[in-house]
Amino acid sequence: MIYLIFTAGSLLISCTALLALINSRRICNSLHAALQTIYADTNVDQYLPSGLSTLGNKRFILSFIVVGGTGLLAVVIPLLQMGASPNGP
C-alpha cells in the first residue's frame, strides 16, 4: 500500500514538473521571438546575443532529463528492491 501511494505521488509530481517545464519553454520562446521583433523594429537587433535560443533549448532538455529521470528512478528502484527481497513482493 505504501509503495502504491509513493508511486502515485512520484508520478503526479514528476508529470506536473515536466508539464511546467514544457509551458516555461513555450513562454521563453514566445518572449524571445517578441524581443527579436522589438529589437529589429528599433534597429538594435545586432546587440541581441546570438545563440540564446540554443542555450535555452539545451537547458530545457537537461532539466527535462533530470526531472524525468528522477521520477523514473523513484518508481523503478523500490520496485526492483521489492522484487529482489527474499520474501517477494
PDB file of N, CA and C in Angstrom:
ATOM      1  N   MET A   1       0.815  -1.197   0.000  1.00  0.00           N
ATOM      2  CA  MET A   1       0.000   0.000   0.000  1.00  0.00           C
ATOM      3  C   MET A   1       0.865   1.270   0.000  1.00  0.00           C
ATOM      4  N   ILE A   2       1.915   1.257   0.833  1.00  0.00           N
ATOM      5  CA  ILE A   2       2.808   2.420   0.893  1.00  0.00           C
ATOM      6  C   ILE A   2       3.496   2.629  -0.454  1.00  0.00           C
ATOM      7  N   TYR A   3       3.899   1.527  -1.086  1.00  0.00           N
ATOM      8  CA  TYR A   3       4.555   1.642  -2.395  1.00  0.00           C
ATOM      9  C   TYR A   3       3.612   2.265  -3.418  1.00  0.00           C
ATOM     10  N   LEU A   4       2.353   1.879  -3.423  1.00  0.00           N
ATOM     11  CA  LEU A   4       1.395   2.436  -4.381  1.00  0.00           C
ATOM     12  C   LEU A   4       1.193   3.932  -4.166  1.00  0.00           C
ATOM     13  N   ILE A   5       1.109   4.349  -2.919  1.00  0.00           N
ATOM     14  CA  ILE A   5       0.959   5.774  -2.622  1.00  0.00           C
ATOM     15  C   ILE A   5       2.213   6.532  -3.054  1.00  0.00           C
ATOM     16  N   PHE A   6       3.374   5.976  -2.756  1.00  0.00           N
ATOM     17  CA  PHE A   6       4.638   6.596  -3.146  1.00  0.00           C
ATOM     18  C   PHE A   6       4.748   6.696  -4.673  1.00  0.00           C
ATOM     19  N   THR A   7       4.383   5.634  -5.362  1.00  0.00           N
ATOM     20  CA  THR A   7       4.455   5.625  -6.818  1.00  0.00           C
ATOM     21  C   THR A   7       3.508   6.651  -7.423  1.00  0.00           C
ATOM     22  N   ALA A   8       2.274   6.677  -6.944  1.00  0.00           N
ATOM     23  CA  ALA A   8       1.296   7.642  -7.466  1.00  0.00           C
ATOM     24  C   ALA A   8       1.764   9.077  -7.208  1.00  0.00           C
ATOM     25  N   GLY A   9       2.279   9.335  -6.014  1.00  0.00           N
ATOM     26  CA  GLY A   9       2.786  10.671  -5.699  1.00  0.00           C
ATOM     27  C   GLY A   9       3.969  11.051  -6.561  1.00  0.00           C
ATOM     28  N   SER A  10       4.884  10.122  -6.760  1.00  0.00           N
ATOM     29  CA  SER A  10       6.064  10.392  -7.600  1.00  0.00           C
ATOM     30  C   SER A  10       5.662  10.685  -9.035  1.00  0.00           C
ATOM     31  N   LEU A  11       4.738   9.897  -9.550  1.00  0.00           N
ATOM     32  CA  LEU A  11       4.284  10.121 -10.926  1.00  0.00           C
ATOM     33  C   LEU A  11       3.559  11.449 -11.061  1.00  0.00           C
ATOM     34  N   LEU A  12       2.720  11.777 -10.103  1.00  0.00           N
ATOM     35  CA  LEU A  12       1.980  13.042 -10.144  1.00  0.00           C
ATOM     36  C   LEU A  12       2.925  14.236 -10.096  1.00  0.00           C
ATOM     37  N   ILE A  13       3.860  14.201  -9.167  1.00  0.00           N
ATOM     38  CA  ILE A  13       4.797  15.319  -9.025  1.00  0.00           C
ATOM     39  C   ILE A  13       5.706  15.427 -10.252  1.00  0.00           C
ATOM     40  N   SER A  14       6.206  14.300 -10.747  1.00  0.00           N
ATOM     41  CA  SER A  14       7.096  14.326 -11.916  1.00  0.00           C
ATOM     42  C   SER A  14       6.367  14.830 -13.156  1.00  0.00           C
ATOM     43  N   CYS A  15       5.154  14.339 -13.377  1.00  0.00           N
ATOM     44  CA  CYS A  15       4.391  14.784 -14.551  1.00  0.00           C
ATOM     45  C   CYS A  15       4.042  16.263 -14.464  1.00  0.00           C
ATOM     46  N   THR A  16       3.699  16.725 -13.277  1.00  0.00           N
ATOM     47  CA  THR A  16       3.405  18.145 -13.089  1.00  0.00           C
ATOM     48  C   THR A  16       4.643  18.996 -13.362  1.00  0.00           C
ATOM     49  N   ALA A  17       5.793  18.565 -12.870  1.00  0.00           N
ATOM     50  CA  ALA A  17       7.032  19.305 -13.104  1.00  0.00           C
ATOM     51  C   ALA A  17       7.404  19.311 -14.587  1.00  0.00           C
ATOM     52  N   LEU A  18       7.196  18.191 -15.277  1.00  0.00           N
ATOM     53  CA  LEU A  18       7.504  18.136 -16.708  1.00  0.00           C
ATOM     54  C   LEU A  18       6.571  19.047 -17.498  1.00  0.00           C
ATOM     55  N   LEU A  19       5.302  19.082 -17.136  1.00  0.00           N
ATOM     56  CA  LEU A  19       4.367  19.996 -17.797  1.00  0.00           C
ATOM     57  C   LEU A  19       4.744  21.456 -17.542  1.00  0.00           C
ATOM     58  N   ALA A  20       5.199  21.758 -16.336  1.00  0.00           N
ATOM     59  CA  ALA A  20       5.646  23.123 -16.022  1.00  0.00           C
ATOM     60  C   ALA A  20       6.862  23.492 -16.873  1.00  0.00           C
ATOM     61  N   LEU A  21       7.776  22.546 -17.056  1.00  0.00           N
ATOM     62  CA  LEU A  21       8.945  22.809 -17.907  1.00  0.00           C
ATOM     63  C   LEU A  21       8.528  23.067 -19.359  1.00  0.00           C
ATOM     64  N   ILE A  22       7.579  22.278 -19.856  1.00  0.00           N
ATOM     65  CA  ILE A  22       7.113  22.460 -21.228  1.00  0.00           C
ATOM     66  C   ILE A  22       6.457  23.831 -21.400  1.00  0.00           C
ATOM     67  N   ASN A  23       5.623  24.229 -20.437  1.00  0.00           N
ATOM     68  CA  ASN A  23       4.984  25.545 -20.504  1.00  0.00           C
ATOM     69  C   ASN A  23       6.007  26.666 -20.403  1.00  0.00           C
ATOM     70  N   SER A  24       7.005  26.502 -19.553  1.00  0.00           N
ATOM     71  CA  SER A  24       8.065  27.509 -19.428  1.00  0.00           C
ATOM     72  C   SER A  24       8.834  27.656 -20.727  1.00  0.00           C
ATOM     73  N   ARG A  25       9.055  26.547 -21.408  1.00  0.00           N
ATOM     74  CA  ARG A  25       9.762  26.605 -22.695  1.00  0.00           C
ATOM     75  C   ARG A  25       8.954  27.398 -23.711  1.00  0.00           C
ATOM     76  N   ARG A  26       7.641  27.167 -23.743  1.00  0.00           N
ATOM     77  CA  ARG A  26       6.775  27.921 -24.669  1.00  0.00           C
ATOM     78  C   ARG A  26       6.813  29.414 -24.361  1.00  0.00           C
ATOM     79  N   ILE A  27       6.752  29.751 -23.079  1.00  0.00           N
ATOM     80  CA  ILE A  27       6.788  31.159 -22.685  1.00  0.00           C
ATOM     81  C   ILE A  27       8.116  31.794 -23.086  1.00  0.00           C
ATOM     82  N   CYS A  28       9.212  31.118 -22.809  1.00  0.00           N
ATOM     83  CA  CYS A  28      10.537  31.650 -23.166  1.00  0.00           C
ATOM     84  C   CYS A  28      10.677  31.843 -24.669  1.00  0.00           C
ATOM     85  N   ASN A  29      10.199  30.890 -25.453  1.00  0.00           N
ATOM     86  CA  ASN A  29      10.271  31.016 -26.910  1.00  0.00           C
ATOM     87  C   ASN A  29       9.430  32.187 -27.401  1.00  0.00           C
ATOM     88  N   SER A  30       8.251  32.370 -26.821  1.00  0.00           N
ATOM     89  CA  SER A  30       7.396  33.499 -27.216  1.00  0.00           C
ATOM     90  C   SER A  30       8.042  34.830 -26.862  1.00  0.00           C
ATOM     91  N   LEU A  31       8.577  34.920 -25.655  1.00  0.00           N
ATOM     92  CA  LEU A  31       9.231  36.165 -25.244  1.00  0.00           C
ATOM     93  C   LEU A  31      10.466  36.452 -26.082  1.00  0.00           C
ATOM     94  N   HIS A  32      11.225  35.420 -26.402  1.00  0.00           N
ATOM     95  CA  HIS A  32      12.418  35.605 -27.232  1.00  0.00           C
ATOM     96  C   HIS A  32      12.035  36.114 -28.622  1.00  0.00           C
ATOM     97  N   ALA A  33      10.992  35.535 -29.196  1.00  0.00           N
ATOM     98  CA  ALA A  33      10.531  35.987 -30.518  1.00  0.00           C
ATOM     99  C   ALA A  33      10.042  37.431 -30.457  1.00  0.00           C
ATOM    100  N   ALA A  34       9.332  37.785 -29.393  1.00  0.00           N
ATOM    101  CA  ALA A  34       8.853  39.163 -29.248  1.00  0.00           C
ATOM    102  C   ALA A  34      10.021  40.134 -29.108  1.00  0.00           C
ATOM    103  N   LEU A  35      11.023  39.759 -28.319  1.00  0.00           N
ATOM    104  CA  LEU A  35      12.200  40.622 -28.166  1.00  0.00           C
ATOM    105  C   LEU A  35      12.955  40.793 -29.483  1.00  0.00           C
ATOM    106  N   GLN A  36      13.057  39.707 -30.234  1.00  0.00           N
ATOM    107  CA  GLN A  36      13.728  39.815 -31.533  1.00  0.00           C
ATOM    108  C   GLN A  36      12.992  40.793 -32.443  1.00  0.00           C
ATOM    109  N   THR A  37      11.672  40.748 -32.426  1.00  0.00           N
ATOM    110  CA  THR A  37      10.874  41.656 -33.247  1.00  0.00           C
ATOM    111  C   THR A  37      11.060  43.097 -32.785  1.00  0.00           C
ATOM    112  N   ILE A  38      11.004  43.327 -31.481  1.00  0.00           N
ATOM    113  CA  ILE A  38      11.195  44.687 -30.948  1.00  0.00           C
ATOM    114  C   ILE A  38      12.581  45.201 -31.308  1.00  0.00           C
ATOM    115  N   TYR A  39      13.596  44.374 -31.130  1.00  0.00           N
ATOM    116  CA  TYR A  39      14.967  44.785 -31.446  1.00  0.00           C
ATOM    117  C   TYR A  39      15.121  45.082 -32.939  1.00  0.00           C
ATOM    118  N   ALA A  40      14.495  44.280 -33.793  1.00  0.00           N
ATOM    119  CA  ALA A  40      14.582  44.511 -35.241  1.00  0.00           C
ATOM    120  C   ALA A  40      13.852  45.800 -35.621  1.00  0.00           C
ATOM    121  N   ASP A  41      12.704  46.055 -35.005  1.00  0.00           N
ATOM    122  CA  ASP A  41      11.934  47.265 -35.314  1.00  0.00           C
ATOM    123  C   ASP A  41      12.658  48.538 -34.886  1.00  0.00           C
ATOM    124  N   THR A  42      13.455  48.453 -33.848  1.00  0.00           N
ATOM    125  CA  THR A  42      14.177  49.624 -33.351  1.00  0.00           C
ATOM    126  C   THR A  42      15.626  49.675 -33.828  1.00  0.00           C
ATOM    127  N   ASN A  43      15.969  48.763 -34.729  1.00  0.00           N
ATOM    128  CA  ASN A  43      17.312  48.700 -35.322  1.00  0.00           C
ATOM    129  C   ASN A  43      18.428  48.508 -34.290  1.00  0.00           C
ATOM    130  N   VAL A  44      18.150  47.737 -33.262  1.00  0.00           N
ATOM    131  CA  VAL A  44      19.194  47.400 -32.291  1.00  0.00           C
ATOM    132  C   VAL A  44      19.358  45.883 -32.187  1.00  0.00           C
ATOM    133  N   ASP A  45      18.896  45.160 -33.198  1.00  0.00           N
ATOM    134  CA  ASP A  45      18.946  43.703 -33.149  1.00  0.00           C
ATOM    135  C   ASP A  45      20.370  43.159 -33.179  1.00  0.00           C
ATOM    136  N   GLN A  46      21.335  43.957 -33.600  1.00  0.00           N
ATOM    137  CA  GLN A  46      22.715  43.478 -33.599  1.00  0.00           C
ATOM    138  C   GLN A  46      23.256  43.315 -32.180  1.00  0.00           C
ATOM    139  N   TYR A  47      22.588  43.900 -31.187  1.00  0.00           N
ATOM    140  CA  TYR A  47      23.025  43.775 -29.799  1.00  0.00           C
ATOM    141  C   TYR A  47      22.447  42.551 -29.093  1.00  0.00           C
ATOM    142  N   LEU A  48      21.516  41.882 -29.739  1.00  0.00           N
ATOM    143  CA  LEU A  48      20.941  40.665 -29.166  1.00  0.00           C
ATOM    144  C   LEU A  48      21.930  39.518 -29.367  1.00  0.00           C
ATOM    145  N   PRO A  49      22.398  38.914 -28.289  1.00  0.00           N
ATOM    146  CA  PRO A  49      23.387  37.840 -28.436  1.00  0.00           C
ATOM    147  C   PRO A  49      22.825  36.673 -29.237  1.00  0.00           C
ATOM    148  N   SER A  50      23.623  36.178 -30.154  1.00  0.00           N
ATOM    149  CA  SER A  50      23.192  35.011 -30.917  1.00  0.00           C
ATOM    150  C   SER A  50      23.370  33.765 -30.062  1.00  0.00           C
ATOM    151  N   GLY A  51      22.540  32.787 -30.279  1.00  0.00           N
ATOM    152  CA  GLY A  51      22.663  31.535 -29.558  1.00  0.00           C
ATOM    153  C   GLY A  51      21.859  31.460 -28.275  1.00  0.00           C
ATOM    154  N   LEU A  52      21.102  32.512 -27.956  1.00  0.00           N
ATOM    155  CA  LEU A  52      20.309  32.462 -26.729  1.00  0.00           C
ATOM    156  C   LEU A  52      19.256  31.364 -26.793  1.00  0.00           C
ATOM    157  N   SER A  53      18.644  31.203 -27.938  1.00  0.00           N
ATOM    158  CA  SER A  53      17.599  30.181 -28.051  1.00  0.00           C
ATOM    159  C   SER A  53      18.198  28.784 -27.985  1.00  0.00           C
ATOM    160  N   THR A  54      19.407  28.605 -28.510  1.00  0.00           N
ATOM    161  CA  THR A  54      20.076  27.303 -28.419  1.00  0.00           C
ATOM    162  C   THR A  54      20.398  26.963 -26.964  1.00  0.00           C
ATOM    163  N   LEU A  55      20.864  27.947 -26.224  1.00  0.00           N
ATOM    164  CA  LEU A  55      21.165  27.715 -24.804  1.00  0.00           C
ATOM    165  C   LEU A  55      19.896  27.397 -24.022  1.00  0.00           C
ATOM    166  N   GLY A  56      18.809  28.089 -24.343  1.00  0.00           N
ATOM    167  CA  GLY A  56      17.536  27.822 -23.681  1.00  0.00           C
ATOM    168  C   GLY A  56      17.041  26.413 -23.962  1.00  0.00           C
ATOM    169  N   ASN A  57      17.184  25.962 -25.205  1.00  0.00           N
ATOM    170  CA  ASN A  57      16.756  24.607 -25.551  1.00  0.00           C
ATOM    171  C   ASN A  57      17.614  23.553 -24.855  1.00  0.00           C
ATOM    172  N   LYS A  58      18.905  23.806 -24.749  1.00  0.00           N
ATOM    173  CA  LYS A  58      19.784  22.866 -24.034  1.00  0.00           C
ATOM    174  C   LYS A  58      19.404  22.797 -22.562  1.00  0.00           C
ATOM    175  N   ARG A  59      19.133  23.959 -21.963  1.00  0.00           N
ATOM    176  CA  ARG A  59      18.726  24.000 -20.556  1.00  0.00           C
ATOM    177  C   ARG A  59      17.422  23.233 -20.365  1.00  0.00           C
ATOM    178  N   PHE A  60      16.488  23.388 -21.303  1.00  0.00           N
ATOM    179  CA  PHE A  60      15.216  22.677 -21.218  1.00  0.00           C
ATOM    180  C   PHE A  60      15.434  21.167 -21.284  1.00  0.00           C
ATOM    181  N   ILE A  61      16.230  20.707 -22.216  1.00  0.00           N
ATOM    182  CA  ILE A  61      16.472  19.270 -22.384  1.00  0.00           C
ATOM    183  C   ILE A  61      17.129  18.682 -21.137  1.00  0.00           C
ATOM    184  N   LEU A  62      18.142  19.375 -20.612  1.00  0.00           N
ATOM    185  CA  LEU A  62      18.816  18.877 -19.411  1.00  0.00           C
ATOM    186  C   LEU A  62      17.872  18.853 -18.211  1.00  0.00           C
ATOM    187  N   SER A  63      17.075  19.882 -18.049  1.00  0.00           N
ATOM    188  CA  SER A  63      16.101  19.909 -16.946  1.00  0.00           C
ATOM    189  C   SER A  63      15.078  18.803 -17.097  1.00  0.00           C
ATOM    190  N   PHE A  64      14.631  18.567 -18.322  1.00  0.00           N
ATOM    191  CA  PHE A  64      13.647  17.524 -18.594  1.00  0.00           C
ATOM    192  C   PHE A  64      14.221  16.153 -18.228  1.00  0.00           C
ATOM    193  N   ILE A  65      15.482  15.922 -18.586  1.00  0.00           N
ATOM    194  CA  ILE A  65      16.138  14.651 -18.270  1.00  0.00           C
ATOM    195  C   ILE A  65      16.275  14.477 -16.758  1.00  0.00           C
ATOM    196  N   VAL A  66      16.677  15.535 -16.061  1.00  0.00           N
ATOM    197  CA  VAL A  66      16.856  15.447 -14.611  1.00  0.00           C
ATOM    198  C   VAL A  66      15.523  15.150 -13.923  1.00  0.00           C
ATOM    199  N   VAL A  67      14.482  15.895 -14.258  1.00  0.00           N
ATOM    200  CA  VAL A  67      13.186  15.710 -13.600  1.00  0.00           C
ATOM    201  C   VAL A  67      12.580  14.359 -13.973  1.00  0.00           C
ATOM    202  N   GLY A  68      12.583  14.036 -15.261  1.00  0.00           N
ATOM    203  CA  GLY A  68      12.028  12.754 -15.706  1.00  0.00           C
ATOM    204  C   GLY A  68      12.811  11.566 -15.179  1.00  0.00           C
ATOM    205  N   GLY A  69      14.127  11.680 -15.191  1.00  0.00           N
ATOM    206  CA  GLY A  69      14.967  10.594 -14.693  1.00  0.00           C
ATOM    207  C   GLY A  69      14.806  10.379 -13.204  1.00  0.00           C
ATOM    208  N   THR A  70      14.696  11.457 -12.449  1.00  0.00           N
ATOM    209  CA  THR A  70      14.492  11.333 -11.008  1.00  0.00           C
ATOM    210  C   THR A  70      13.151  10.677 -10.707  1.00  0.00           C
ATOM    211  N   GLY A  71      12.115  11.082 -11.428  1.00  0.00           N
ATOM    212  CA  GLY A  71      10.798  10.461 -11.243  1.00  0.00           C
ATOM    213  C   GLY A  71      10.807   8.988 -11.603  1.00  0.00           C
ATOM    214  N   LEU A  72      11.490   8.653 -12.682  1.00  0.00           N
ATOM    215  CA  LEU A  72      11.579   7.260 -13.104  1.00  0.00           C
ATOM    216  C   LEU A  72      12.333   6.426 -12.061  1.00  0.00           C
ATOM    217  N   LEU A  73      13.436   6.953 -11.578  1.00  0.00           N
ATOM    218  CA  LEU A  73      14.196   6.236 -10.544  1.00  0.00           C
ATOM    219  C   LEU A  73      13.391   6.068  -9.259  1.00  0.00           C
ATOM    220  N   ALA A  74      12.595   7.073  -8.919  1.00  0.00           N
ATOM    221  CA  ALA A  74      11.786   6.996  -7.703  1.00  0.00           C
ATOM    222  C   ALA A  74      10.747   5.890  -7.782  1.00  0.00           C
ATOM    223  N   VAL A  75      10.369   5.501  -8.983  1.00  0.00           N
ATOM    224  CA  VAL A  75       9.395   4.423  -9.149  1.00  0.00           C
ATOM    225  C   VAL A  75      10.090   3.077  -9.338  1.00  0.00           C
ATOM    226  N   VAL A  76      11.154   3.052 -10.135  1.00  0.00           N
ATOM    227  CA  VAL A  76      11.805   1.791 -10.505  1.00  0.00           C
ATOM    228  C   VAL A  76      12.621   1.184  -9.358  1.00  0.00           C
ATOM    229  N   ILE A  77      13.368   1.997  -8.629  1.00  0.00           N
ATOM    230  CA  ILE A  77      14.236   1.450  -7.581  1.00  0.00           C
ATOM    231  C   ILE A  77      13.453   0.711  -6.495  1.00  0.00           C
ATOM    232  N   PRO A  78      12.381   1.282  -5.941  1.00  0.00           N
ATOM    233  CA  PRO A  78      11.626   0.497  -4.957  1.00  0.00           C
ATOM    234  C   PRO A  78      11.007  -0.769  -5.551  1.00  0.00           C
ATOM    235  N   LEU A  79      10.616  -0.716  -6.812  1.00  0.00           N
ATOM    236  CA  LEU A  79      10.056  -1.896  -7.471  1.00  0.00           C
ATOM    237  C   LEU A  79      11.110  -2.992  -7.581  1.00  0.00           C
ATOM    238  N   LEU A  80      12.320  -2.618  -7.972  1.00  0.00           N
ATOM    239  CA  LEU A  80      13.415  -3.590  -8.051  1.00  0.00           C
ATOM    240  C   LEU A  80      13.752  -4.143  -6.669  1.00  0.00           C
ATOM    241  N   GLN A  81      13.722  -3.295  -5.663  1.00  0.00           N
ATOM    242  CA  GLN A  81      14.010  -3.733  -4.302  1.00  0.00           C
ATOM    243  C   GLN A  81      12.966  -4.732  -3.816  1.00  0.00           C
ATOM    244  N   MET A  82      11.705  -4.470  -4.130  1.00  0.00           N
ATOM    245  CA  MET A  82      10.647  -5.401  -3.735  1.00  0.00           C
ATOM    246  C   MET A  82      10.810  -6.745  -4.428  1.00  0.00           C
ATOM    247  N   GLY A  83      11.194  -6.714  -5.704  1.00  0.00           N
ATOM    248  CA  GLY A  83      11.385  -7.955  -6.452  1.00  0.00           C
ATOM    249  C   GLY A  83      12.607  -8.736  -6.009  1.00  0.00           C
ATOM    250  N   ALA A  84      13.623  -8.033  -5.491  1.00  0.00           N
ATOM    251  CA  ALA A  84      14.862  -8.689  -5.073  1.00  0.00           C
ATOM    252  C   ALA A  84      14.806  -9.177  -3.643  1.00  0.00           C
ATOM    253  N   SER A  85      13.807  -8.771  -2.882  1.00  0.00           N
ATOM    254  CA  SER A  85      13.738  -9.201  -1.479  1.00  0.00           C
ATOM    255  C   SER A  85      13.420 -10.695  -1.399  1.00  0.00           C
ATOM    256  N   PRO A  86      13.954 -11.396  -0.415  1.00  0.00           N
ATOM    257  CA  PRO A  86      13.752 -12.845  -0.312  1.00  0.00           C
ATOM    258  C   PRO A  86      12.295 -13.242  -0.095  1.00  0.00           C
ATOM    259  N   ASN A  87      11.494 -12.376   0.473  1.00  0.00           N
ATOM    260  CA  ASN A  87      10.090 -12.685   0.716  1.00  0.00           C
ATOM    261  C   ASN A  87       9.191 -12.409  -0.483  1.00  0.00           C
ATOM    262  N   GLY A  88       9.772 -11.796  -1.543  1.00  0.00           N
ATOM    263  CA  GLY A  88       8.990 -11.469  -2.729  1.00  0.00           C
ATOM    264  C   GLY A  88       8.215 -10.190  -2.517  1.00  0.00           C
ATOM    265  N   PRO A  89       7.387  -9.810  -3.489  1.00  0.00           N
ATOM    266  CA  PRO A  89       6.661  -8.535  -3.380  1.00  0.00           C
ATOM    267  C   PRO A  89       5.570  -8.542  -2.365  1.00  0.00           C
TER     268      PRO A  89
END
